[in-house]
Amino acid sequence: MKNPDMVHSEENLCACCHHKNTPRDAKEQKQLQNRINRIIGQLNGIKNMIDDNRYCGDILIQIGAVENALQSLGYVILQDHMQTCVAEEVRKGNEAILAEAVELIKKLK
């Protein structure tokens, strides 16, 4: 069943909502995968710290590092989205994509 928040009319649907029209190149894809793998490693480190009954302050510092890494990844994805998906849709005359972009920015913060 579709999430009601994700239902869009066809004229307002960005082609990149499911797949990008302009694919990421191999270098970009690798950089994003590397970031994700580092974040996964950090999360596993936090899990191990909890399993090892480590000091709360040390765990919180690592949680902050993961949050910052995710935020940074989000900004990289957002920049790509604005430069490709949003720009392409605006050129096609779909100005509704701007409202979607604003909502995505709100969700990222």
N, C-alpha and C. Protein backbone atom coordinates (compact mmCIF):
# COMPACT_ATOMS: atom_id res chain seq x y z
N MET A 1 0.84 -1.18 0.00
CA MET A 1 0.00 0.00 0.00
C MET A 1 0.88 1.24 0.00
N LYS A 2 0.49 2.25 -0.77
CA LYS A 2 1.29 3.46 -0.87
C LYS A 2 1.12 4.33 0.36
N ASN A 3 2.19 4.96 0.76
CA ASN A 3 2.17 5.92 1.84
C ASN A 3 1.46 7.17 1.32
N PRO A 4 0.40 7.67 2.00
CA PRO A 4 -0.33 8.82 1.49
C PRO A 4 0.55 10.06 1.36
N ASP A 5 1.60 10.17 2.16
CA ASP A 5 2.50 11.31 2.06
C ASP A 5 3.35 11.25 0.80
N MET A 6 3.44 10.08 0.18
CA MET A 6 4.29 9.91 -0.98
C MET A 6 3.51 9.92 -2.29
N VAL A 7 2.18 10.13 -2.22
CA VAL A 7 1.37 10.14 -3.43
C VAL A 7 1.51 11.49 -4.10
N HIS A 8 1.85 11.47 -5.38
CA HIS A 8 2.01 12.68 -6.17
C HIS A 8 1.20 12.52 -7.44
N SER A 9 0.68 13.63 -7.95
CA SER A 9 0.08 13.55 -9.27
C SER A 9 1.21 13.47 -10.29
N GLU A 10 0.91 12.93 -11.45
CA GLU A 10 1.96 12.70 -12.45
C GLU A 10 2.68 13.99 -12.82
N GLU A 11 1.93 15.12 -12.93
CA GLU A 11 2.60 16.36 -13.34
C GLU A 11 3.53 16.91 -12.26
N ASN A 12 3.35 16.49 -11.02
CA ASN A 12 4.21 16.96 -9.94
C ASN A 12 5.27 15.95 -9.56
N LEU A 13 5.29 14.81 -10.19
CA LEU A 13 6.21 13.75 -9.82
C LEU A 13 7.56 13.96 -10.50
N CYS A 14 8.56 14.14 -9.71
CA CYS A 14 9.92 14.26 -10.25
C CYS A 14 10.34 12.88 -10.76
N ALA A 15 10.92 12.86 -11.92
CA ALA A 15 11.37 11.58 -12.49
C ALA A 15 12.38 10.90 -11.58
N CYS A 16 13.06 11.67 -10.75
CA CYS A 16 14.10 11.09 -9.90
C CYS A 16 13.55 10.59 -8.57
N CYS A 17 12.25 10.69 -8.35
CA CYS A 17 11.71 10.22 -7.07
C CYS A 17 11.94 8.73 -6.88
N HIS A 18 12.08 8.03 -7.97
CA HIS A 18 12.33 6.59 -7.88
C HIS A 18 13.70 6.24 -8.45
N HIS A 19 14.03 6.81 -9.57
CA HIS A 19 15.34 6.60 -10.20
C HIS A 19 15.75 7.92 -10.83
N LYS A 20 17.03 8.20 -10.76
CA LYS A 20 17.54 9.44 -11.33
C LYS A 20 17.52 9.37 -12.86
N ASN A 21 17.13 10.48 -13.48
CA ASN A 21 17.25 10.57 -14.94
C ASN A 21 18.71 10.66 -15.35
N THR A 22 19.47 11.42 -14.57
CA THR A 22 20.90 11.56 -14.82
C THR A 22 21.62 10.70 -13.79
N PRO A 23 22.08 9.53 -14.19
CA PRO A 23 22.72 8.63 -13.22
C PRO A 23 24.01 9.22 -12.66
N ARG A 24 24.31 8.83 -11.44
CA ARG A 24 25.59 9.22 -10.85
C ARG A 24 26.69 8.46 -11.58
N ASP A 25 27.82 9.13 -11.76
CA ASP A 25 28.93 8.42 -12.40
C ASP A 25 29.57 7.46 -11.40
N ALA A 26 30.41 6.59 -11.89
CA ALA A 26 31.00 5.54 -11.06
C ALA A 26 31.79 6.12 -9.89
N LYS A 27 32.49 7.23 -10.12
CA LYS A 27 33.29 7.86 -9.05
C LYS A 27 32.38 8.38 -7.94
N GLU A 28 31.29 9.06 -8.31
CA GLU A 28 30.34 9.56 -7.32
C GLU A 28 29.72 8.40 -6.54
N GLN A 29 29.33 7.37 -7.26
CA GLN A 29 28.71 6.19 -6.64
C GLN A 29 29.67 5.58 -5.62
N LYS A 30 30.93 5.45 -5.98
CA LYS A 30 31.94 4.88 -5.09
C LYS A 30 32.14 5.75 -3.85
N GLN A 31 32.17 7.07 -4.04
CA GLN A 31 32.33 7.99 -2.91
C GLN A 31 31.16 7.88 -1.93
N LEU A 32 29.94 7.78 -2.47
CA LEU A 32 28.77 7.63 -1.60
C LEU A 32 28.81 6.30 -0.87
N GLN A 33 29.18 5.24 -1.56
CA GLN A 33 29.29 3.93 -0.92
C GLN A 33 30.35 3.94 0.18
N ASN A 34 31.46 4.61 -0.06
CA ASN A 34 32.50 4.72 0.96
C ASN A 34 31.99 5.44 2.20
N ARG A 35 31.25 6.51 2.00
CA ARG A 35 30.68 7.25 3.13
C ARG A 35 29.73 6.35 3.93
N ILE A 36 28.86 5.66 3.21
CA ILE A 36 27.90 4.76 3.87
C ILE A 36 28.65 3.68 4.66
N ASN A 37 29.67 3.10 4.05
CA ASN A 37 30.43 2.05 4.74
C ASN A 37 31.10 2.57 6.00
N ARG A 38 31.62 3.82 5.95
CA ARG A 38 32.21 4.41 7.16
C ARG A 38 31.16 4.59 8.24
N ILE A 39 29.97 5.05 7.85
CA ILE A 39 28.89 5.25 8.82
C ILE A 39 28.47 3.92 9.43
N ILE A 40 28.37 2.90 8.60
CA ILE A 40 28.03 1.56 9.11
C ILE A 40 29.10 1.09 10.10
N GLY A 41 30.35 1.35 9.77
CA GLY A 41 31.44 1.00 10.68
C GLY A 41 31.33 1.73 12.01
N GLN A 42 30.98 3.02 11.93
CA GLN A 42 30.81 3.80 13.16
C GLN A 42 29.65 3.23 14.00
N LEU A 43 28.55 2.88 13.34
CA LEU A 43 27.41 2.31 14.06
C LEU A 43 27.78 0.98 14.70
N ASN A 44 28.52 0.15 13.98
CA ASN A 44 28.98 -1.11 14.58
C ASN A 44 29.90 -0.84 15.77
N GLY A 45 30.72 0.20 15.67
CA GLY A 45 31.57 0.58 16.79
C GLY A 45 30.76 0.97 18.01
N ILE A 46 29.68 1.71 17.79
CA ILE A 46 28.80 2.10 18.90
C ILE A 46 28.15 0.86 19.51
N LYS A 47 27.70 -0.04 18.66
CA LYS A 47 27.10 -1.29 19.17
C LYS A 47 28.11 -2.04 20.03
N ASN A 48 29.35 -2.12 19.56
CA ASN A 48 30.39 -2.81 20.34
C ASN A 48 30.67 -2.09 21.66
N MET A 49 30.64 -0.76 21.63
CA MET A 49 30.86 0.00 22.85
C MET A 49 29.77 -0.30 23.87
N ILE A 50 28.53 -0.38 23.40
CA ILE A 50 27.42 -0.70 24.30
C ILE A 50 27.57 -2.12 24.83
N ASP A 51 27.91 -3.06 23.95
CA ASP A 51 28.11 -4.45 24.37
C ASP A 51 29.24 -4.54 25.40
N ASP A 52 30.24 -3.68 25.27
CA ASP A 52 31.40 -3.68 26.16
C ASP A 52 31.17 -2.83 27.42
N ASN A 53 29.95 -2.29 27.52
CA ASN A 53 29.59 -1.47 28.69
C ASN A 53 30.50 -0.25 28.85
N ARG A 54 30.82 0.39 27.74
CA ARG A 54 31.71 1.55 27.76
C ARG A 54 31.03 2.76 28.38
N TYR A 55 31.82 3.73 28.75
CA TYR A 55 31.39 4.97 29.38
C TYR A 55 30.40 5.71 28.48
N CYS A 56 29.30 6.18 29.08
CA CYS A 56 28.22 6.84 28.34
C CYS A 56 28.73 8.02 27.51
N GLY A 57 29.61 8.81 28.09
CA GLY A 57 30.12 9.98 27.38
C GLY A 57 30.85 9.60 26.10
N ASP A 58 31.62 8.53 26.14
CA ASP A 58 32.33 8.06 24.94
C ASP A 58 31.34 7.62 23.86
N ILE A 59 30.28 6.95 24.28
CA ILE A 59 29.26 6.50 23.32
C ILE A 59 28.56 7.70 22.70
N LEU A 60 28.22 8.68 23.53
CA LEU A 60 27.53 9.87 23.03
C LEU A 60 28.39 10.63 22.02
N ILE A 61 29.69 10.68 22.26
CA ILE A 61 30.59 11.33 21.31
C ILE A 61 30.53 10.62 19.96
N GLN A 62 30.52 9.30 19.99
CA GLN A 62 30.45 8.53 18.75
C GLN A 62 29.09 8.68 18.06
N ILE A 63 28.02 8.77 18.84
CA ILE A 63 26.70 9.01 18.27
C ILE A 63 26.68 10.36 17.56
N GLY A 64 27.29 11.37 18.17
CA GLY A 64 27.38 12.68 17.53
C GLY A 64 28.16 12.62 16.23
N ALA A 65 29.21 11.81 16.20
CA ALA A 65 30.01 11.67 14.99
C ALA A 65 29.18 11.03 13.87
N VAL A 66 28.37 10.04 14.22
CA VAL A 66 27.52 9.39 13.23
C VAL A 66 26.47 10.37 12.71
N GLU A 67 25.88 11.12 13.63
CA GLU A 67 24.88 12.11 13.20
C GLU A 67 25.50 13.11 12.23
N ASN A 68 26.70 13.58 12.53
CA ASN A 68 27.37 14.52 11.63
C ASN A 68 27.69 13.89 10.29
N ALA A 69 28.11 12.64 10.30
CA ALA A 69 28.41 11.95 9.05
C ALA A 69 27.16 11.77 8.20
N LEU A 70 26.05 11.43 8.83
CA LEU A 70 24.79 11.29 8.09
C LEU A 70 24.33 12.63 7.54
N GLN A 71 24.46 13.68 8.33
CA GLN A 71 24.08 15.02 7.88
C GLN A 71 24.91 15.43 6.67
N SER A 72 26.19 15.17 6.74
CA SER A 72 27.09 15.48 5.63
C SER A 72 26.71 14.71 4.38
N LEU A 73 26.42 13.43 4.53
CA LEU A 73 25.97 12.61 3.40
C LEU A 73 24.67 13.17 2.82
N GLY A 74 23.77 13.57 3.68
CA GLY A 74 22.51 14.15 3.23
C GLY A 74 22.72 15.40 2.41
N TYR A 75 23.66 16.24 2.82
CA TYR A 75 23.94 17.47 2.07
C TYR A 75 24.55 17.16 0.71
N VAL A 76 25.37 16.15 0.63
CA VAL A 76 25.95 15.75 -0.66
C VAL A 76 24.84 15.28 -1.60
N ILE A 77 23.93 14.46 -1.08
CA ILE A 77 22.81 13.95 -1.89
C ILE A 77 21.89 15.11 -2.28
N LEU A 78 21.63 16.02 -1.35
CA LEU A 78 20.78 17.18 -1.64
C LEU A 78 21.39 18.04 -2.74
N GLN A 79 22.67 18.28 -2.65
CA GLN A 79 23.34 19.10 -3.67
C GLN A 79 23.18 18.44 -5.05
N ASP A 80 23.40 17.15 -5.11
CA ASP A 80 23.25 16.42 -6.37
C ASP A 80 21.80 16.51 -6.86
N HIS A 81 20.86 16.35 -5.95
CA HIS A 81 19.44 16.42 -6.30
C HIS A 81 19.10 17.79 -6.90
N MET A 82 19.59 18.84 -6.26
CA MET A 82 19.30 20.20 -6.74
C MET A 82 19.93 20.45 -8.10
N GLN A 83 21.15 19.97 -8.29
CA GLN A 83 21.87 20.23 -9.54
C GLN A 83 21.39 19.37 -10.70
N THR A 84 20.77 18.25 -10.40
CA THR A 84 20.34 17.36 -11.48
C THR A 84 18.82 17.29 -11.55
N CYS A 85 18.21 16.57 -10.65
CA CYS A 85 16.77 16.31 -10.69
C CYS A 85 15.95 17.60 -10.69
N VAL A 86 16.21 18.47 -9.73
CA VAL A 86 15.42 19.69 -9.62
C VAL A 86 15.66 20.59 -10.82
N ALA A 87 16.92 20.79 -11.18
CA ALA A 87 17.23 21.65 -12.32
C ALA A 87 16.58 21.12 -13.60
N GLU A 88 16.62 19.81 -13.82
CA GLU A 88 16.01 19.22 -15.02
C GLU A 88 14.50 19.46 -15.04
N GLU A 89 13.85 19.27 -13.89
CA GLU A 89 12.40 19.46 -13.83
C GLU A 89 12.01 20.93 -14.02
N VAL A 90 12.79 21.84 -13.47
CA VAL A 90 12.50 23.27 -13.66
C VAL A 90 12.64 23.63 -15.14
N ARG A 91 13.68 23.11 -15.80
CA ARG A 91 13.85 23.36 -17.24
C ARG A 91 12.67 22.83 -18.04
N LYS A 92 12.05 21.76 -17.56
CA LYS A 92 10.87 21.19 -18.23
C LYS A 92 9.60 21.98 -17.92
N GLY A 93 9.71 22.96 -17.01
CA GLY A 93 8.55 23.76 -16.65
C GLY A 93 7.83 23.29 -15.40
N ASN A 94 8.33 22.28 -14.73
CA ASN A 94 7.70 21.75 -13.52
C ASN A 94 8.21 22.53 -12.31
N GLU A 95 7.55 23.64 -12.03
CA GLU A 95 7.97 24.45 -10.88
C GLU A 95 7.52 23.86 -9.56
N ALA A 96 6.61 22.89 -9.59
CA ALA A 96 6.17 22.22 -8.36
C ALA A 96 7.32 21.46 -7.70
N ILE A 97 8.33 21.15 -8.48
CA ILE A 97 9.49 20.44 -7.94
C ILE A 97 10.18 21.27 -6.86
N LEU A 98 10.04 22.59 -6.95
CA LEU A 98 10.66 23.46 -5.95
C LEU A 98 10.03 23.24 -4.57
N ALA A 99 8.72 23.04 -4.53
CA ALA A 99 8.05 22.77 -3.25
C ALA A 99 8.55 21.45 -2.67
N GLU A 100 8.75 20.45 -3.55
CA GLU A 100 9.29 19.17 -3.09
C GLU A 100 10.69 19.37 -2.51
N ALA A 101 11.50 20.17 -3.20
CA ALA A 101 12.87 20.42 -2.74
C ALA A 101 12.86 21.08 -1.37
N VAL A 102 11.97 22.03 -1.16
CA VAL A 102 11.87 22.70 0.15
C VAL A 102 11.50 21.68 1.22
N GLU A 103 10.55 20.80 0.93
CA GLU A 103 10.15 19.78 1.90
C GLU A 103 11.30 18.83 2.22
N LEU A 104 12.08 18.48 1.20
CA LEU A 104 13.23 17.61 1.44
C LEU A 104 14.26 18.30 2.33
N ILE A 105 14.47 19.58 2.10
CA ILE A 105 15.42 20.34 2.92
C ILE A 105 14.94 20.36 4.37
N LYS A 106 13.65 20.57 4.58
CA LYS A 106 13.10 20.56 5.94
C LYS A 106 13.31 19.22 6.62
N LYS A 107 13.12 18.14 5.87
CA LYS A 107 13.28 16.81 6.45
C LYS A 107 14.73 16.49 6.77
N LEU A 108 15.63 17.09 6.00
CA LEU A 108 17.06 16.80 6.20
C LEU A 108 17.60 17.45 7.46
N LYS A 109 17.05 18.57 7.84
CA LYS A 109 17.61 19.31 8.99
C LYS A 109 17.33 18.68 10.29
